[in-house]
Amino acid sequence: MKILRILIALVALGGAVDSYLALKVHWQDPNAAPPCAVTEKWDCGAVNHSRFAVFPPRGFDEDPNSKGHFPVATIGIIGYVVIAILALAKLDFLAFEAAQIGCFCALVLTFLEKFVLEKWCIYCVWSQGIVAVLVLLTAVNWWLGRGGAKKGLHIRAAGETHVA
């Protein structure tokens, strides 16, 4: 279990680095070509400078430099660090819950990239993969911590009765 918690923390720190790279693109001059602008569909500069790159999202007629918005990549960094800390602090259920919340947020952002922006950010796609792996790792860690490996997984067939 200790090794699994360390693995969770390392994967979460990898997610924090990935979010930091996205944040660098967010703060980069929008006229400069980001290192991740590969094709017309894969352009993290367009994604990280869109109105959805901040929380809450900017309005359509709002100044891009308006105050009161927090970069989504910064929220990602904080989220990954929180997951790492919770895992190392042996707060397995909270780490699992934090990973689920992060995965939900990443899925919302993936939806926006696919159907609204119609552009993909390589850092965002990596982040989606990383947080999905974290959900699996934290779920296994929580299950093992509850004695899941000792209890085993018991599935009864339909119509089978359990006699105590």
N, C-alpha and C. Protein backbone atom coordinates (compact mmCIF):
# COMPACT_ATOMS: atom_id res chain seq x y z
N MET A 1 0.82 -1.19 0.00
CA MET A 1 0.00 0.00 0.00
C MET A 1 0.87 1.26 0.00
N LYS A 2 1.98 1.21 0.72
CA LYS A 2 2.86 2.38 0.75
C LYS A 2 3.38 2.68 -0.65
N ILE A 3 3.73 1.64 -1.39
CA ILE A 3 4.24 1.83 -2.75
C ILE A 3 3.14 2.43 -3.64
N LEU A 4 1.90 1.97 -3.46
CA LEU A 4 0.79 2.49 -4.26
C LEU A 4 0.55 3.97 -3.95
N ARG A 5 0.65 4.34 -2.68
CA ARG A 5 0.48 5.76 -2.32
C ARG A 5 1.58 6.62 -2.94
N ILE A 6 2.79 6.11 -2.93
CA ILE A 6 3.91 6.85 -3.54
C ILE A 6 3.69 6.96 -5.04
N LEU A 7 3.21 5.89 -5.67
CA LEU A 7 2.91 5.92 -7.10
C LEU A 7 1.82 6.96 -7.40
N ILE A 8 0.79 7.01 -6.56
CA ILE A 8 -0.27 8.01 -6.74
C ILE A 8 0.31 9.41 -6.65
N ALA A 9 1.17 9.63 -5.66
CA ALA A 9 1.78 10.96 -5.48
C ALA A 9 2.65 11.32 -6.68
N LEU A 10 3.40 10.36 -7.20
CA LEU A 10 4.27 10.64 -8.37
C LEU A 10 3.45 10.94 -9.62
N VAL A 11 2.39 10.18 -9.83
CA VAL A 11 1.52 10.43 -10.99
C VAL A 11 0.85 11.80 -10.83
N ALA A 12 0.42 12.12 -9.62
CA ALA A 12 -0.21 13.42 -9.38
C ALA A 12 0.79 14.56 -9.60
N LEU A 13 2.02 14.37 -9.20
CA LEU A 13 3.03 15.41 -9.45
C LEU A 13 3.31 15.55 -10.95
N GLY A 14 3.25 14.44 -11.68
CA GLY A 14 3.35 14.52 -13.14
C GLY A 14 2.20 15.34 -13.72
N GLY A 15 1.00 15.18 -13.15
CA GLY A 15 -0.14 16.00 -13.58
C GLY A 15 0.05 17.46 -13.25
N ALA A 16 0.68 17.75 -12.11
CA ALA A 16 0.95 19.14 -11.74
C ALA A 16 1.94 19.77 -12.73
N VAL A 17 2.95 19.00 -13.15
CA VAL A 17 3.91 19.51 -14.15
C VAL A 17 3.19 19.77 -15.47
N ASP A 18 2.32 18.84 -15.87
CA ASP A 18 1.55 19.01 -17.09
C ASP A 18 0.69 20.27 -17.02
N SER A 19 0.03 20.49 -15.90
CA SER A 19 -0.79 21.70 -15.73
C SER A 19 0.07 22.96 -15.73
N TYR A 20 1.27 22.86 -15.16
CA TYR A 20 2.19 24.01 -15.18
C TYR A 20 2.57 24.38 -16.62
N LEU A 21 2.80 23.37 -17.47
CA LEU A 21 3.13 23.64 -18.87
C LEU A 21 1.95 24.32 -19.58
N ALA A 22 0.74 23.89 -19.26
CA ALA A 22 -0.45 24.54 -19.83
C ALA A 22 -0.57 25.97 -19.32
N LEU A 23 -0.22 26.19 -18.05
CA LEU A 23 -0.28 27.53 -17.48
C LEU A 23 0.74 28.46 -18.15
N LYS A 24 1.91 27.92 -18.49
CA LYS A 24 2.90 28.73 -19.21
C LYS A 24 2.35 29.20 -20.55
N VAL A 25 1.63 28.33 -21.24
CA VAL A 25 1.01 28.71 -22.51
C VAL A 25 -0.07 29.75 -22.26
N HIS A 26 -0.82 29.60 -21.17
CA HIS A 26 -1.89 30.55 -20.83
C HIS A 26 -1.32 31.96 -20.65
N TRP A 27 -0.16 32.08 -20.00
CA TRP A 27 0.44 33.39 -19.74
C TRP A 27 1.29 33.88 -20.90
N GLN A 28 1.52 33.04 -21.89
CA GLN A 28 2.31 33.42 -23.06
C GLN A 28 1.53 34.43 -23.92
N ASP A 29 2.26 35.25 -24.63
CA ASP A 29 1.65 36.21 -25.54
C ASP A 29 0.80 35.44 -26.56
N PRO A 30 -0.49 35.79 -26.70
CA PRO A 30 -1.36 35.06 -27.64
C PRO A 30 -0.87 35.12 -29.10
N ASN A 31 -0.07 36.14 -29.44
CA ASN A 31 0.43 36.25 -30.80
C ASN A 31 1.64 35.37 -31.06
N ALA A 32 2.28 34.89 -30.00
CA ALA A 32 3.44 34.00 -30.15
C ALA A 32 2.94 32.57 -30.36
N ALA A 33 3.65 31.84 -31.18
CA ALA A 33 3.26 30.46 -31.44
C ALA A 33 3.69 29.57 -30.28
N PRO A 34 2.73 28.91 -29.63
CA PRO A 34 3.09 28.03 -28.51
C PRO A 34 3.82 26.79 -29.03
N PRO A 35 4.60 26.14 -28.19
CA PRO A 35 5.34 24.96 -28.63
C PRO A 35 4.43 23.78 -28.97
N CYS A 36 3.18 23.86 -28.60
CA CYS A 36 2.27 22.74 -28.81
C CYS A 36 1.25 23.00 -29.92
N ALA A 37 1.48 24.01 -30.73
CA ALA A 37 0.59 24.27 -31.88
C ALA A 37 1.06 23.38 -33.02
N VAL A 38 0.41 22.23 -33.15
CA VAL A 38 0.87 21.22 -34.10
C VAL A 38 0.12 21.32 -35.43
N THR A 39 -1.20 21.32 -35.35
CA THR A 39 -2.03 21.40 -36.56
C THR A 39 -3.18 22.36 -36.28
N GLU A 40 -4.08 22.45 -37.23
CA GLU A 40 -5.25 23.31 -37.05
C GLU A 40 -6.14 22.81 -35.91
N LYS A 41 -6.23 21.50 -35.73
CA LYS A 41 -7.06 20.91 -34.67
C LYS A 41 -6.33 20.79 -33.34
N TRP A 42 -5.01 20.73 -33.35
CA TRP A 42 -4.20 20.60 -32.14
C TRP A 42 -3.46 21.91 -31.91
N ASP A 43 -4.07 22.79 -31.13
CA ASP A 43 -3.50 24.11 -30.87
C ASP A 43 -3.78 24.50 -29.43
N CYS A 44 -2.80 24.22 -28.56
CA CYS A 44 -3.04 24.51 -27.14
C CYS A 44 -3.04 26.01 -26.88
N GLY A 45 -2.44 26.80 -27.75
CA GLY A 45 -2.50 28.25 -27.58
C GLY A 45 -3.93 28.75 -27.72
N ALA A 46 -4.64 28.26 -28.73
CA ALA A 46 -6.03 28.66 -28.92
C ALA A 46 -6.90 28.21 -27.75
N VAL A 47 -6.64 27.01 -27.25
CA VAL A 47 -7.43 26.49 -26.13
C VAL A 47 -7.12 27.27 -24.85
N ASN A 48 -5.83 27.50 -24.59
CA ASN A 48 -5.43 28.15 -23.33
C ASN A 48 -5.62 29.66 -23.34
N HIS A 49 -6.02 30.22 -24.47
CA HIS A 49 -6.37 31.64 -24.52
C HIS A 49 -7.86 31.85 -24.78
N SER A 50 -8.61 30.75 -24.77
CA SER A 50 -10.05 30.87 -24.99
C SER A 50 -10.73 31.39 -23.72
N ARG A 51 -11.99 31.72 -23.85
CA ARG A 51 -12.73 32.22 -22.70
C ARG A 51 -12.96 31.15 -21.65
N PHE A 52 -12.77 29.87 -22.03
CA PHE A 52 -12.96 28.76 -21.10
C PHE A 52 -11.67 28.40 -20.37
N ALA A 53 -10.58 29.10 -20.63
CA ALA A 53 -9.30 28.81 -19.98
C ALA A 53 -9.23 29.41 -18.58
N VAL A 54 -10.27 30.11 -18.18
CA VAL A 54 -10.34 30.69 -16.85
C VAL A 54 -11.65 30.29 -16.19
N PHE A 55 -11.65 30.35 -14.86
CA PHE A 55 -12.88 30.07 -14.12
C PHE A 55 -13.21 31.26 -13.25
N PRO A 56 -14.43 31.76 -13.29
CA PRO A 56 -15.47 31.38 -14.23
C PRO A 56 -15.14 31.86 -15.64
N PRO A 57 -15.73 31.20 -16.64
CA PRO A 57 -15.42 31.59 -18.03
C PRO A 57 -15.77 33.05 -18.29
N ARG A 58 -14.99 33.67 -19.16
CA ARG A 58 -15.28 35.06 -19.52
C ARG A 58 -16.54 35.12 -20.38
N GLY A 59 -17.24 36.23 -20.28
CA GLY A 59 -18.40 36.45 -21.12
C GLY A 59 -17.96 36.76 -22.55
N PHE A 60 -18.88 36.67 -23.49
CA PHE A 60 -18.55 36.89 -24.90
C PHE A 60 -18.03 38.30 -25.16
N ASP A 61 -18.58 39.28 -24.47
CA ASP A 61 -18.19 40.67 -24.71
C ASP A 61 -17.24 41.19 -23.64
N GLU A 62 -16.69 40.30 -22.82
CA GLU A 62 -15.82 40.70 -21.72
C GLU A 62 -14.38 40.86 -22.21
N ASP A 63 -13.71 41.86 -21.64
CA ASP A 63 -12.31 42.12 -21.97
C ASP A 63 -11.45 40.91 -21.57
N PRO A 64 -10.59 40.42 -22.46
CA PRO A 64 -9.73 39.27 -22.13
C PRO A 64 -8.82 39.52 -20.92
N ASN A 65 -8.56 40.77 -20.59
CA ASN A 65 -7.70 41.10 -19.45
C ASN A 65 -8.48 41.44 -18.19
N SER A 66 -9.78 41.16 -18.19
CA SER A 66 -10.61 41.50 -17.03
C SER A 66 -10.18 40.69 -15.81
N LYS A 67 -10.41 41.26 -14.65
CA LYS A 67 -10.02 40.64 -13.39
C LYS A 67 -11.15 39.74 -12.88
N GLY A 68 -10.83 38.94 -11.88
CA GLY A 68 -11.83 38.10 -11.25
C GLY A 68 -11.92 36.70 -11.83
N HIS A 69 -10.97 36.32 -12.67
CA HIS A 69 -10.97 34.99 -13.26
C HIS A 69 -9.68 34.28 -12.85
N PHE A 70 -9.78 32.99 -12.64
CA PHE A 70 -8.67 32.17 -12.18
C PHE A 70 -8.30 31.19 -13.28
N PRO A 71 -7.03 31.11 -13.72
CA PRO A 71 -6.67 30.16 -14.78
C PRO A 71 -7.00 28.72 -14.40
N VAL A 72 -7.63 28.00 -15.30
CA VAL A 72 -8.00 26.60 -15.06
C VAL A 72 -6.75 25.76 -14.80
N ALA A 73 -5.65 26.06 -15.46
CA ALA A 73 -4.42 25.30 -15.25
C ALA A 73 -3.91 25.44 -13.82
N THR A 74 -4.11 26.59 -13.20
CA THR A 74 -3.72 26.78 -11.80
C THR A 74 -4.58 25.90 -10.90
N ILE A 75 -5.85 25.81 -11.21
CA ILE A 75 -6.74 24.92 -10.45
C ILE A 75 -6.27 23.48 -10.60
N GLY A 76 -5.82 23.12 -11.80
CA GLY A 76 -5.28 21.78 -12.02
C GLY A 76 -4.05 21.51 -11.17
N ILE A 77 -3.13 22.45 -11.12
CA ILE A 77 -1.93 22.30 -10.30
C ILE A 77 -2.31 22.06 -8.85
N ILE A 78 -3.21 22.90 -8.34
CA ILE A 78 -3.65 22.78 -6.94
C ILE A 78 -4.32 21.42 -6.71
N GLY A 79 -5.17 21.01 -7.63
CA GLY A 79 -5.86 19.73 -7.50
C GLY A 79 -4.91 18.55 -7.47
N TYR A 80 -3.93 18.54 -8.35
CA TYR A 80 -2.96 17.44 -8.37
C TYR A 80 -2.13 17.41 -7.09
N VAL A 81 -1.73 18.57 -6.60
CA VAL A 81 -0.95 18.62 -5.36
C VAL A 81 -1.80 18.13 -4.18
N VAL A 82 -3.07 18.50 -4.15
CA VAL A 82 -3.97 18.04 -3.09
C VAL A 82 -4.10 16.51 -3.13
N ILE A 83 -4.25 15.93 -4.32
CA ILE A 83 -4.35 14.47 -4.44
C ILE A 83 -3.08 13.81 -3.92
N ALA A 84 -1.92 14.35 -4.27
CA ALA A 84 -0.65 13.80 -3.80
C ALA A 84 -0.56 13.87 -2.27
N ILE A 85 -0.92 15.01 -1.70
CA ILE A 85 -0.85 15.17 -0.25
C ILE A 85 -1.82 14.21 0.46
N LEU A 86 -3.04 14.10 -0.06
CA LEU A 86 -4.02 13.20 0.55
C LEU A 86 -3.55 11.75 0.50
N ALA A 87 -2.95 11.35 -0.61
CA ALA A 87 -2.45 9.98 -0.73
C ALA A 87 -1.32 9.72 0.26
N LEU A 88 -0.38 10.64 0.35
CA LEU A 88 0.75 10.47 1.26
C LEU A 88 0.33 10.56 2.72
N ALA A 89 -0.77 11.28 3.00
CA ALA A 89 -1.29 11.40 4.37
C ALA A 89 -2.18 10.21 4.74
N LYS A 90 -2.28 9.24 3.85
CA LYS A 90 -3.09 8.02 4.07
C LYS A 90 -4.57 8.32 4.19
N LEU A 91 -5.01 9.38 3.56
CA LEU A 91 -6.44 9.72 3.51
C LEU A 91 -6.99 9.19 2.19
N ASP A 92 -7.06 7.87 2.11
CA ASP A 92 -7.33 7.17 0.86
C ASP A 92 -8.67 7.54 0.24
N PHE A 93 -9.73 7.58 1.06
CA PHE A 93 -11.04 7.91 0.50
C PHE A 93 -11.08 9.34 -0.03
N LEU A 94 -10.47 10.27 0.71
CA LEU A 94 -10.45 11.66 0.24
C LEU A 94 -9.63 11.82 -1.03
N ALA A 95 -8.53 11.07 -1.14
CA ALA A 95 -7.74 11.10 -2.38
C ALA A 95 -8.57 10.58 -3.55
N PHE A 96 -9.33 9.51 -3.31
CA PHE A 96 -10.21 8.95 -4.34
C PHE A 96 -11.28 9.96 -4.74
N GLU A 97 -11.90 10.62 -3.76
CA GLU A 97 -12.92 11.62 -4.06
C GLU A 97 -12.33 12.81 -4.82
N ALA A 98 -11.15 13.27 -4.41
CA ALA A 98 -10.50 14.39 -5.11
C ALA A 98 -10.18 14.01 -6.56
N ALA A 99 -9.74 12.77 -6.76
CA ALA A 99 -9.44 12.32 -8.13
C ALA A 99 -10.72 12.26 -8.97
N GLN A 100 -11.82 11.84 -8.36
CA GLN A 100 -13.09 11.81 -9.10
C GLN A 100 -13.54 13.21 -9.49
N ILE A 101 -13.41 14.16 -8.58
CA ILE A 101 -13.78 15.55 -8.87
C ILE A 101 -12.89 16.08 -10.00
N GLY A 102 -11.59 15.81 -9.92
CA GLY A 102 -10.68 16.23 -10.98
C GLY A 102 -11.03 15.62 -12.32
N CYS A 103 -11.41 14.35 -12.30
CA CYS A 103 -11.78 13.67 -13.55
C CYS A 103 -13.05 14.29 -14.15
N PHE A 104 -14.02 14.60 -13.29
CA PHE A 104 -15.24 15.25 -13.78
C PHE A 104 -14.91 16.59 -14.42
N CYS A 105 -14.07 17.39 -13.76
CA CYS A 105 -13.69 18.70 -14.31
C CYS A 105 -12.96 18.54 -15.64
N ALA A 106 -12.07 17.55 -15.71
CA ALA A 106 -11.34 17.31 -16.95
C ALA A 106 -12.29 16.87 -18.07
N LEU A 107 -13.30 16.09 -17.72
CA LEU A 107 -14.28 15.66 -18.74
C LEU A 107 -15.08 16.85 -19.26
N VAL A 108 -15.43 17.78 -18.39
CA VAL A 108 -16.14 18.99 -18.82
C VAL A 108 -15.26 19.77 -19.79
N LEU A 109 -13.98 19.93 -19.45
CA LEU A 109 -13.06 20.66 -20.33
C LEU A 109 -12.86 19.92 -21.65
N THR A 110 -12.82 18.59 -21.60
CA THR A 110 -12.69 17.81 -22.83
C THR A 110 -13.92 18.01 -23.71
N PHE A 111 -15.10 18.04 -23.11
CA PHE A 111 -16.33 18.32 -23.86
C PHE A 111 -16.23 19.67 -24.54
N LEU A 112 -15.76 20.69 -23.81
CA LEU A 112 -15.65 22.04 -24.39
C LEU A 112 -14.66 22.05 -25.55
N GLU A 113 -13.56 21.34 -25.41
CA GLU A 113 -12.58 21.29 -26.50
C GLU A 113 -13.18 20.62 -27.73
N LYS A 114 -13.86 19.51 -27.53
CA LYS A 114 -14.40 18.74 -28.66
C LYS A 114 -15.56 19.45 -29.36
N PHE A 115 -16.53 19.93 -28.58
CA PHE A 115 -17.77 20.40 -29.19
C PHE A 115 -17.93 21.92 -29.27
N VAL A 116 -17.18 22.67 -28.49
CA VAL A 116 -17.33 24.12 -28.52
C VAL A 116 -16.14 24.76 -29.24
N LEU A 117 -14.95 24.49 -28.76
CA LEU A 117 -13.75 25.08 -29.37
C LEU A 117 -13.34 24.38 -30.66
N GLU A 118 -13.63 23.10 -30.74
CA GLU A 118 -13.24 22.26 -31.86
C GLU A 118 -11.73 22.30 -32.10
N LYS A 119 -10.99 22.40 -31.01
CA LYS A 119 -9.53 22.36 -31.00
C LYS A 119 -9.11 21.60 -29.76
N TRP A 120 -7.95 20.96 -29.86
CA TRP A 120 -7.44 20.16 -28.76
C TRP A 120 -6.14 20.73 -28.24
N CYS A 121 -5.95 20.61 -26.94
CA CYS A 121 -4.70 20.99 -26.29
C CYS A 121 -4.03 19.70 -25.83
N ILE A 122 -2.79 19.49 -26.28
CA ILE A 122 -2.08 18.26 -25.92
C ILE A 122 -1.90 18.15 -24.41
N TYR A 123 -1.68 19.27 -23.74
CA TYR A 123 -1.53 19.24 -22.28
C TYR A 123 -2.84 18.83 -21.61
N CYS A 124 -3.95 19.30 -22.15
CA CYS A 124 -5.26 18.96 -21.59
C CYS A 124 -5.57 17.48 -21.78
N VAL A 125 -5.23 16.95 -22.94
CA VAL A 125 -5.47 15.54 -23.21
C VAL A 125 -4.61 14.68 -22.28
N TRP A 126 -3.35 15.07 -22.11
CA TRP A 126 -2.48 14.36 -21.16
C TRP A 126 -3.06 14.43 -19.77
N SER A 127 -3.56 15.59 -19.38
CA SER A 127 -4.14 15.76 -18.05
C SER A 127 -5.35 14.86 -17.87
N GLN A 128 -6.18 14.74 -18.89
CA GLN A 128 -7.34 13.85 -18.82
C GLN A 128 -6.90 12.41 -18.59
N GLY A 129 -5.86 11.99 -19.30
CA GLY A 129 -5.34 10.64 -19.11
C GLY A 129 -4.75 10.45 -17.72
N ILE A 130 -4.00 11.43 -17.25
CA ILE A 130 -3.38 11.34 -15.93
C ILE A 130 -4.43 11.26 -14.83
N VAL A 131 -5.45 12.08 -14.90
CA VAL A 131 -6.47 12.07 -13.84
C VAL A 131 -7.31 10.79 -13.91
N ALA A 132 -7.50 10.23 -15.10
CA ALA A 132 -8.20 8.95 -15.21
C ALA A 132 -7.39 7.84 -14.54
N VAL A 133 -6.08 7.84 -14.76
CA VAL A 133 -5.21 6.87 -14.09
C VAL A 133 -5.26 7.08 -12.58
N LEU A 134 -5.30 8.32 -12.14
CA LEU A 134 -5.38 8.61 -10.70
C LEU A 134 -6.68 8.09 -10.09
N VAL A 135 -7.77 8.19 -10.82
CA VAL A 135 -9.03 7.65 -10.31
C VAL A 135 -8.88 6.14 -10.09
N LEU A 136 -8.30 5.45 -11.06
CA LEU A 136 -8.12 4.00 -10.93
C LEU A 136 -7.17 3.66 -9.78
N LEU A 137 -6.04 4.34 -9.70
CA LEU A 137 -5.07 4.06 -8.64
C LEU A 137 -5.63 4.35 -7.25
N THR A 138 -6.31 5.48 -7.11
CA THR A 138 -6.86 5.82 -5.79
C THR A 138 -8.01 4.88 -5.42
N ALA A 139 -8.77 4.42 -6.40
CA ALA A 139 -9.86 3.47 -6.12
C ALA A 139 -9.27 2.14 -5.63
N VAL A 140 -8.25 1.66 -6.30
CA VAL A 140 -7.60 0.41 -5.88
C VAL A 140 -6.98 0.58 -4.49
N ASN A 141 -6.33 1.70 -4.27
CA ASN A 141 -5.71 1.97 -2.97
C ASN A 141 -6.75 2.00 -1.85
N TRP A 142 -7.85 2.65 -2.11
CA TRP A 142 -8.92 2.72 -1.11
C TRP A 142 -9.51 1.34 -0.85
N TRP A 143 -9.74 0.58 -1.92
CA TRP A 143 -10.31 -0.77 -1.81
C TRP A 143 -9.37 -1.68 -1.01
N LEU A 144 -8.09 -1.62 -1.32
CA LEU A 144 -7.12 -2.44 -0.59
C LEU A 144 -7.03 -2.01 0.88
N GLY A 145 -7.13 -0.72 1.12
CA GLY A 145 -7.08 -0.22 2.49
C GLY A 145 -8.26 -0.65 3.33
N ARG A 146 -9.36 -0.92 2.69
CA ARG A 146 -10.56 -1.38 3.40
C ARG A 146 -10.57 -2.89 3.57
N GLY A 147 -9.50 -3.54 3.15
CA GLY A 147 -9.43 -5.00 3.26
C GLY A 147 -10.05 -5.70 2.08
N GLY A 148 -10.18 -5.01 0.97
CA GLY A 148 -10.80 -5.58 -0.22
C GLY A 148 -10.08 -6.80 -0.74
N ALA A 149 -8.77 -6.83 -0.64
CA ALA A 149 -8.01 -7.97 -1.13
C ALA A 149 -8.23 -9.19 -0.25
N LYS A 150 -8.43 -8.97 1.05
CA LYS A 150 -8.66 -10.08 1.97
C LYS A 150 -10.08 -10.62 1.84
N LYS A 151 -11.02 -9.72 1.67
CA LYS A 151 -12.42 -10.12 1.55
C LYS A 151 -12.69 -10.76 0.20
N GLY A 152 -11.93 -10.35 -0.79
CA GLY A 152 -12.16 -10.87 -2.13
C GLY A 152 -13.35 -10.21 -2.79
N LEU A 153 -13.59 -10.59 -4.00
CA LEU A 153 -14.72 -10.06 -4.75
C LEU A 153 -15.70 -11.20 -4.94
N HIS A 154 -16.85 -11.10 -4.33
CA HIS A 154 -17.84 -12.16 -4.39
C HIS A 154 -19.02 -11.71 -5.22
N ILE A 155 -19.28 -12.44 -6.28
CA ILE A 155 -20.41 -12.14 -7.16
C ILE A 155 -21.31 -13.36 -7.17
N ARG A 156 -22.58 -13.15 -6.85
CA ARG A 156 -23.52 -14.26 -6.86
C ARG A 156 -24.26 -14.29 -8.19
N ALA A 157 -24.55 -15.49 -8.63
CA ALA A 157 -25.33 -15.64 -9.85
C ALA A 157 -26.77 -15.26 -9.58
N ALA A 158 -27.51 -14.92 -10.63
CA ALA A 158 -28.92 -14.54 -10.48
C ALA A 158 -29.69 -15.71 -9.90
N GLY A 159 -30.49 -15.44 -8.90
CA GLY A 159 -31.31 -16.47 -8.29
C GLY A 159 -30.61 -17.24 -7.18
N GLU A 160 -29.30 -17.02 -7.01
CA GLU A 160 -28.57 -17.73 -5.97
C GLU A 160 -28.85 -17.08 -4.63
N THR A 161 -29.05 -17.89 -3.61
CA THR A 161 -29.32 -17.35 -2.30
C THR A 161 -28.11 -17.54 -1.41
N HIS A 162 -27.99 -16.66 -0.45
CA HIS A 162 -26.87 -16.72 0.48
C HIS A 162 -27.39 -17.21 1.82
N VAL A 163 -26.84 -18.32 2.29
CA VAL A 163 -27.24 -18.88 3.58
C VAL A 163 -26.16 -18.58 4.58
N ALA A 164 -26.51 -17.94 5.68
CA ALA A 164 -25.52 -17.59 6.70
C ALA A 164 -25.40 -18.65 7.75
